[in-house]
Amino acid sequence: MKVDFRIIARGADSGYRTASQLVINNPEEWASVWQQHASNIIPPPPVPRVDFTDNQVAAIFMGEKRTGGYSVEILSVETKSSEQDDLTSLVITVAYHQPQPKDIVPEVITHPYQIITIPQLAANRVMFRQA
């Protein structure tokens, strides 16, 4: 079943330097991740408000890239049930884009990312799948 999501932020210059796929379920962890993400912005923007009683945050950080032309995009979020083992999974499909050899790209270090909110769902696990 498809799940609606809302984009909080997407771009190529995150202060979160490590390649990561995160699911955040509480305001303390969210504030910590956001502060690291926004650490390269002066003054840093406030932490976006998320109601964790009804929502959770998913974040994809690509880590350091040596040029422009890289991006990450969350294409879909869906739930999948398995009757065999009585598990429900939340599946987040992610596309990673990179420049082609002949593309002209800026010679600048980038840190592509996308951060979304999704409803809190009764899922036994979260899986990130590459498109």
N, C-alpha and C. Protein backbone atom coordinates (compact mmCIF):
# COMPACT_ATOMS: atom_id res chain seq x y z
N MET A 1 0.84 -1.17 0.00
CA MET A 1 0.00 0.00 0.00
C MET A 1 0.89 1.24 0.00
N LYS A 2 0.62 2.16 -0.89
CA LYS A 2 1.38 3.41 -0.98
C LYS A 2 1.12 4.27 0.26
N VAL A 3 2.17 4.96 0.69
CA VAL A 3 2.10 5.83 1.85
C VAL A 3 2.49 7.24 1.39
N ASP A 4 1.68 8.23 1.74
CA ASP A 4 2.00 9.61 1.40
C ASP A 4 3.16 10.09 2.26
N PHE A 5 4.01 10.93 1.69
CA PHE A 5 5.09 11.53 2.46
C PHE A 5 5.22 12.98 2.08
N ARG A 6 5.86 13.74 2.98
CA ARG A 6 6.06 15.18 2.77
C ARG A 6 7.56 15.47 2.83
N ILE A 7 8.06 16.21 1.87
CA ILE A 7 9.48 16.56 1.84
C ILE A 7 9.74 17.71 2.81
N ILE A 8 10.69 17.50 3.71
CA ILE A 8 11.13 18.55 4.63
C ILE A 8 12.26 19.35 3.97
N ALA A 9 13.21 18.63 3.39
CA ALA A 9 14.36 19.31 2.77
C ALA A 9 15.01 18.37 1.76
N ARG A 10 15.58 18.96 0.72
CA ARG A 10 16.30 18.19 -0.30
C ARG A 10 17.33 19.12 -0.92
N GLY A 11 18.53 18.60 -1.16
CA GLY A 11 19.55 19.45 -1.76
C GLY A 11 20.88 18.75 -1.89
N ALA A 12 21.93 19.55 -2.06
CA ALA A 12 23.26 19.00 -2.33
C ALA A 12 24.31 19.46 -1.34
N ASP A 13 23.90 20.14 -0.27
CA ASP A 13 24.92 20.66 0.64
C ASP A 13 24.51 20.47 2.09
N SER A 14 24.51 19.23 2.55
CA SER A 14 24.19 18.94 3.94
C SER A 14 25.43 19.01 4.81
N GLY A 15 25.26 19.40 6.04
CA GLY A 15 26.34 19.33 7.01
C GLY A 15 26.51 17.93 7.57
N TYR A 16 25.57 17.04 7.25
CA TYR A 16 25.65 15.64 7.68
C TYR A 16 26.57 14.95 6.69
N ARG A 17 27.76 14.65 7.08
CA ARG A 17 28.81 14.23 6.15
C ARG A 17 28.88 12.74 5.87
N THR A 18 28.23 11.92 6.69
CA THR A 18 28.32 10.47 6.55
C THR A 18 27.17 9.94 5.70
N ALA A 19 27.47 9.03 4.77
CA ALA A 19 26.41 8.39 3.99
C ALA A 19 25.55 7.57 4.96
N SER A 20 24.25 7.87 5.00
CA SER A 20 23.37 7.24 5.98
C SER A 20 21.94 7.16 5.46
N GLN A 21 21.23 6.17 5.97
CA GLN A 21 19.79 6.03 5.77
C GLN A 21 19.19 5.93 7.16
N LEU A 22 18.41 6.94 7.54
CA LEU A 22 17.93 7.03 8.92
C LEU A 22 16.42 7.05 8.99
N VAL A 23 15.89 6.46 10.05
CA VAL A 23 14.49 6.62 10.43
C VAL A 23 14.50 7.16 11.85
N ILE A 24 13.84 8.28 12.05
CA ILE A 24 13.88 9.00 13.32
C ILE A 24 12.48 9.03 13.91
N ASN A 25 12.38 8.58 15.17
CA ASN A 25 11.07 8.43 15.80
C ASN A 25 10.84 9.29 17.03
N ASN A 26 11.78 10.20 17.34
CA ASN A 26 11.59 11.03 18.53
C ASN A 26 12.22 12.40 18.32
N PRO A 27 11.72 13.39 19.05
CA PRO A 27 12.19 14.77 18.83
C PRO A 27 13.65 14.99 19.21
N GLU A 28 14.17 14.27 20.18
CA GLU A 28 15.56 14.45 20.59
C GLU A 28 16.51 14.02 19.47
N GLU A 29 16.27 12.85 18.91
CA GLU A 29 17.11 12.37 17.81
C GLU A 29 16.95 13.27 16.59
N TRP A 30 15.73 13.72 16.32
CA TRP A 30 15.46 14.61 15.19
C TRP A 30 16.24 15.91 15.34
N ALA A 31 16.22 16.50 16.53
CA ALA A 31 16.95 17.75 16.76
C ALA A 31 18.45 17.54 16.53
N SER A 32 18.97 16.41 16.98
CA SER A 32 20.40 16.12 16.81
C SER A 32 20.77 15.97 15.33
N VAL A 33 19.97 15.21 14.59
CA VAL A 33 20.23 15.01 13.16
C VAL A 33 20.10 16.34 12.41
N TRP A 34 19.05 17.11 12.70
CA TRP A 34 18.87 18.39 12.02
C TRP A 34 20.01 19.35 12.31
N GLN A 35 20.45 19.41 13.56
CA GLN A 35 21.55 20.31 13.91
C GLN A 35 22.82 19.94 13.16
N GLN A 36 23.08 18.64 13.03
CA GLN A 36 24.26 18.22 12.26
C GLN A 36 24.06 18.57 10.79
N HIS A 37 22.86 18.29 10.25
CA HIS A 37 22.55 18.60 8.85
C HIS A 37 22.73 20.10 8.56
N ALA A 38 22.26 20.95 9.45
CA ALA A 38 22.28 22.40 9.22
C ALA A 38 23.53 23.07 9.78
N SER A 39 24.52 22.30 10.19
CA SER A 39 25.72 22.86 10.83
C SER A 39 26.56 23.73 9.90
N ASN A 40 26.34 23.63 8.59
CA ASN A 40 27.12 24.42 7.64
C ASN A 40 26.39 25.70 7.21
N ILE A 41 25.27 26.01 7.86
CA ILE A 41 24.49 27.21 7.53
C ILE A 41 24.59 28.19 8.70
N ILE A 42 24.92 29.45 8.39
CA ILE A 42 25.02 30.47 9.43
C ILE A 42 24.06 31.59 9.11
N PRO A 43 23.15 31.94 10.00
CA PRO A 43 22.80 31.20 11.21
C PRO A 43 22.02 29.94 10.85
N PRO A 44 22.12 28.89 11.67
CA PRO A 44 21.40 27.66 11.35
C PRO A 44 19.89 27.85 11.43
N PRO A 45 19.15 27.24 10.51
CA PRO A 45 17.69 27.34 10.56
C PRO A 45 17.14 26.54 11.74
N PRO A 46 15.97 26.92 12.23
CA PRO A 46 15.39 26.16 13.34
C PRO A 46 15.01 24.75 12.89
N VAL A 47 14.91 23.85 13.85
CA VAL A 47 14.52 22.48 13.58
C VAL A 47 13.07 22.48 13.10
N PRO A 48 12.79 21.92 11.92
CA PRO A 48 11.40 21.86 11.45
C PRO A 48 10.54 21.06 12.44
N ARG A 49 9.35 21.54 12.64
CA ARG A 49 8.43 20.91 13.60
C ARG A 49 7.88 19.62 13.01
N VAL A 50 7.95 18.55 13.79
CA VAL A 50 7.39 17.25 13.42
C VAL A 50 6.62 16.72 14.62
N ASP A 51 5.37 16.33 14.42
CA ASP A 51 4.57 15.73 15.48
C ASP A 51 4.85 14.23 15.48
N PHE A 52 5.68 13.79 16.42
CA PHE A 52 6.09 12.38 16.45
C PHE A 52 5.03 11.45 17.02
N THR A 53 3.89 11.98 17.46
CA THR A 53 2.80 11.09 17.85
C THR A 53 2.15 10.48 16.61
N ASP A 54 2.20 11.21 15.49
CA ASP A 54 1.58 10.74 14.25
C ASP A 54 2.56 10.51 13.11
N ASN A 55 3.80 11.00 13.23
CA ASN A 55 4.74 10.96 12.12
C ASN A 55 6.12 10.48 12.56
N GLN A 56 6.91 10.12 11.58
CA GLN A 56 8.33 9.84 11.78
C GLN A 56 9.08 10.48 10.62
N VAL A 57 10.39 10.56 10.74
CA VAL A 57 11.22 11.20 9.72
C VAL A 57 12.11 10.13 9.10
N ALA A 58 12.25 10.18 7.78
CA ALA A 58 13.23 9.35 7.07
C ALA A 58 14.19 10.30 6.38
N ALA A 59 15.49 9.98 6.49
CA ALA A 59 16.51 10.85 5.90
C ALA A 59 17.54 10.00 5.16
N ILE A 60 17.90 10.46 3.97
CA ILE A 60 18.95 9.82 3.17
C ILE A 60 20.05 10.85 2.97
N PHE A 61 21.26 10.49 3.36
CA PHE A 61 22.43 11.34 3.15
C PHE A 61 23.41 10.53 2.30
N MET A 62 23.87 11.10 1.16
CA MET A 62 24.77 10.39 0.26
C MET A 62 26.23 10.44 0.70
N GLY A 63 26.56 11.29 1.65
CA GLY A 63 27.96 11.45 2.03
C GLY A 63 28.66 12.39 1.07
N GLU A 64 29.96 12.48 1.20
CA GLU A 64 30.73 13.43 0.39
C GLU A 64 30.91 12.96 -1.04
N LYS A 65 30.65 13.86 -1.98
CA LYS A 65 30.88 13.63 -3.40
C LYS A 65 31.86 14.70 -3.89
N ARG A 66 32.75 14.33 -4.76
CA ARG A 66 33.85 15.21 -5.17
C ARG A 66 33.46 16.26 -6.22
N THR A 67 32.27 16.13 -6.80
CA THR A 67 31.80 17.12 -7.79
C THR A 67 30.30 17.31 -7.62
N GLY A 68 29.75 18.27 -8.37
CA GLY A 68 28.32 18.40 -8.47
C GLY A 68 27.77 17.30 -9.37
N GLY A 69 26.46 17.31 -9.57
CA GLY A 69 25.85 16.33 -10.46
C GLY A 69 25.27 15.12 -9.73
N TYR A 70 25.47 15.03 -8.43
CA TYR A 70 24.92 13.93 -7.63
C TYR A 70 23.64 14.40 -6.95
N SER A 71 22.71 13.47 -6.79
CA SER A 71 21.50 13.78 -6.04
C SER A 71 20.88 12.48 -5.54
N VAL A 72 19.99 12.64 -4.58
CA VAL A 72 19.24 11.50 -4.05
C VAL A 72 17.77 11.89 -4.06
N GLU A 73 16.91 10.91 -4.36
CA GLU A 73 15.47 11.19 -4.45
C GLU A 73 14.70 10.00 -3.89
N ILE A 74 13.84 10.27 -2.91
CA ILE A 74 12.94 9.24 -2.41
C ILE A 74 11.77 9.18 -3.36
N LEU A 75 11.62 8.04 -4.03
CA LEU A 75 10.59 7.89 -5.06
C LEU A 75 9.25 7.46 -4.49
N SER A 76 9.28 6.57 -3.50
CA SER A 76 8.02 6.07 -2.95
C SER A 76 8.24 5.50 -1.56
N VAL A 77 7.14 5.45 -0.83
CA VAL A 77 7.10 4.79 0.47
C VAL A 77 5.86 3.91 0.44
N GLU A 78 6.02 2.65 0.84
CA GLU A 78 4.88 1.75 0.84
C GLU A 78 5.02 0.71 1.94
N THR A 79 3.90 0.14 2.33
CA THR A 79 3.92 -0.96 3.29
C THR A 79 3.75 -2.26 2.52
N LYS A 80 4.44 -3.29 3.00
CA LYS A 80 4.33 -4.62 2.42
C LYS A 80 4.15 -5.60 3.56
N SER A 81 3.19 -6.48 3.41
CA SER A 81 2.93 -7.48 4.43
C SER A 81 3.37 -8.84 3.94
N SER A 82 3.86 -9.64 4.87
CA SER A 82 4.25 -11.01 4.57
C SER A 82 3.43 -11.93 5.46
N GLU A 83 2.55 -12.71 4.84
CA GLU A 83 1.71 -13.62 5.62
C GLU A 83 2.53 -14.78 6.18
N GLN A 84 3.64 -15.11 5.52
CA GLN A 84 4.50 -16.21 5.97
C GLN A 84 4.99 -15.99 7.40
N ASP A 85 5.62 -14.83 7.62
CA ASP A 85 6.21 -14.58 8.93
C ASP A 85 5.48 -13.50 9.72
N ASP A 86 4.28 -13.12 9.27
CA ASP A 86 3.43 -12.15 9.95
C ASP A 86 4.17 -10.84 10.25
N LEU A 87 4.92 -10.36 9.26
CA LEU A 87 5.65 -9.11 9.40
C LEU A 87 5.12 -8.07 8.43
N THR A 88 5.14 -6.83 8.86
CA THR A 88 4.82 -5.71 7.98
C THR A 88 6.08 -4.87 7.85
N SER A 89 6.46 -4.57 6.62
CA SER A 89 7.65 -3.77 6.36
C SER A 89 7.25 -2.44 5.74
N LEU A 90 7.99 -1.42 6.10
CA LEU A 90 7.88 -0.13 5.45
C LEU A 90 9.04 -0.08 4.47
N VAL A 91 8.74 0.05 3.18
CA VAL A 91 9.76 0.02 2.13
C VAL A 91 9.87 1.42 1.54
N ILE A 92 11.08 1.98 1.63
CA ILE A 92 11.36 3.31 1.09
C ILE A 92 12.25 3.12 -0.13
N THR A 93 11.73 3.49 -1.31
CA THR A 93 12.48 3.33 -2.56
C THR A 93 13.22 4.62 -2.87
N VAL A 94 14.54 4.47 -3.08
CA VAL A 94 15.42 5.63 -3.24
C VAL A 94 16.18 5.53 -4.56
N ALA A 95 16.25 6.65 -5.29
CA ALA A 95 17.06 6.72 -6.51
C ALA A 95 18.29 7.58 -6.21
N TYR A 96 19.44 7.02 -6.54
CA TYR A 96 20.71 7.75 -6.41
C TYR A 96 21.15 8.14 -7.82
N HIS A 97 21.36 9.42 -8.03
CA HIS A 97 21.76 9.91 -9.34
C HIS A 97 23.22 10.37 -9.29
N GLN A 98 23.96 10.06 -10.35
CA GLN A 98 25.35 10.51 -10.45
C GLN A 98 25.62 10.99 -11.87
N PRO A 99 26.59 11.89 -12.00
CA PRO A 99 26.87 12.41 -13.34
C PRO A 99 27.48 11.33 -14.24
N GLN A 100 27.22 11.47 -15.51
CA GLN A 100 27.80 10.56 -16.50
C GLN A 100 29.21 11.06 -16.85
N PRO A 101 30.07 10.19 -17.38
CA PRO A 101 31.46 10.57 -17.65
C PRO A 101 31.61 11.84 -18.50
N LYS A 102 30.73 12.09 -19.44
CA LYS A 102 30.88 13.26 -20.31
C LYS A 102 30.10 14.48 -19.82
N ASP A 103 29.41 14.37 -18.67
CA ASP A 103 28.66 15.51 -18.14
C ASP A 103 29.61 16.60 -17.66
N ILE A 104 29.21 17.84 -17.86
CA ILE A 104 29.95 18.97 -17.32
C ILE A 104 29.34 19.30 -15.97
N VAL A 105 30.16 19.19 -14.92
CA VAL A 105 29.67 19.40 -13.56
C VAL A 105 30.59 20.37 -12.83
N PRO A 106 30.06 21.07 -11.83
CA PRO A 106 30.93 21.97 -11.06
C PRO A 106 31.94 21.19 -10.23
N GLU A 107 33.14 21.74 -10.15
CA GLU A 107 34.20 21.14 -9.33
C GLU A 107 34.04 21.66 -7.91
N VAL A 108 33.11 21.05 -7.19
CA VAL A 108 32.81 21.47 -5.82
C VAL A 108 32.39 20.22 -5.03
N ILE A 109 32.78 20.17 -3.78
CA ILE A 109 32.39 19.05 -2.93
C ILE A 109 30.93 19.24 -2.54
N THR A 110 30.14 18.17 -2.68
CA THR A 110 28.72 18.22 -2.34
C THR A 110 28.39 17.10 -1.35
N HIS A 111 27.25 17.24 -0.69
CA HIS A 111 26.74 16.25 0.26
C HIS A 111 25.23 16.13 0.05
N PRO A 112 24.79 15.42 -1.01
CA PRO A 112 23.36 15.35 -1.35
C PRO A 112 22.53 14.65 -0.26
N TYR A 113 21.27 15.08 -0.17
CA TYR A 113 20.39 14.55 0.87
C TYR A 113 18.92 14.75 0.50
N GLN A 114 18.06 14.00 1.18
CA GLN A 114 16.62 14.25 1.18
C GLN A 114 16.07 13.80 2.53
N ILE A 115 15.19 14.62 3.09
CA ILE A 115 14.57 14.35 4.39
C ILE A 115 13.06 14.47 4.21
N ILE A 116 12.32 13.46 4.70
CA ILE A 116 10.86 13.45 4.55
C ILE A 116 10.19 13.10 5.88
N THR A 117 8.89 13.40 5.97
CA THR A 117 8.08 12.87 7.06
C THR A 117 7.11 11.86 6.46
N ILE A 118 6.86 10.83 7.25
CA ILE A 118 5.88 9.80 6.88
C ILE A 118 5.05 9.48 8.11
N PRO A 119 3.84 8.97 7.91
CA PRO A 119 3.01 8.64 9.07
C PRO A 119 3.65 7.53 9.91
N GLN A 120 3.41 7.59 11.23
CA GLN A 120 3.82 6.49 12.10
C GLN A 120 2.95 5.29 11.73
N LEU A 121 3.58 4.20 11.38
CA LEU A 121 2.85 3.00 10.98
C LEU A 121 3.30 1.83 11.83
N ALA A 122 2.43 0.86 11.99
CA ALA A 122 2.77 -0.34 12.76
C ALA A 122 3.55 -1.29 11.85
N ALA A 123 4.82 -0.97 11.64
CA ALA A 123 5.68 -1.81 10.80
C ALA A 123 6.74 -2.45 11.69
N ASN A 124 7.05 -3.71 11.39
CA ASN A 124 8.05 -4.43 12.16
C ASN A 124 9.47 -4.02 11.77
N ARG A 125 9.63 -3.53 10.55
CA ARG A 125 10.96 -3.12 10.09
C ARG A 125 10.83 -2.10 8.97
N VAL A 126 11.92 -1.37 8.76
CA VAL A 126 12.00 -0.40 7.68
C VAL A 126 13.12 -0.84 6.76
N MET A 127 12.83 -0.86 5.47
CA MET A 127 13.83 -1.25 4.47
C MET A 127 13.98 -0.12 3.45
N PHE A 128 15.23 0.16 3.12
CA PHE A 128 15.52 1.13 2.06
C PHE A 128 15.90 0.31 0.82
N ARG A 129 15.22 0.58 -0.28
CA ARG A 129 15.48 -0.17 -1.53
C ARG A 129 15.93 0.80 -2.59
N GLN A 130 17.01 0.42 -3.28
CA GLN A 130 17.50 1.26 -4.37
C GLN A 130 16.69 1.02 -5.62
N ALA A 131 16.28 2.11 -6.28
CA ALA A 131 15.46 2.01 -7.49
C ALA A 131 16.30 1.51 -8.65
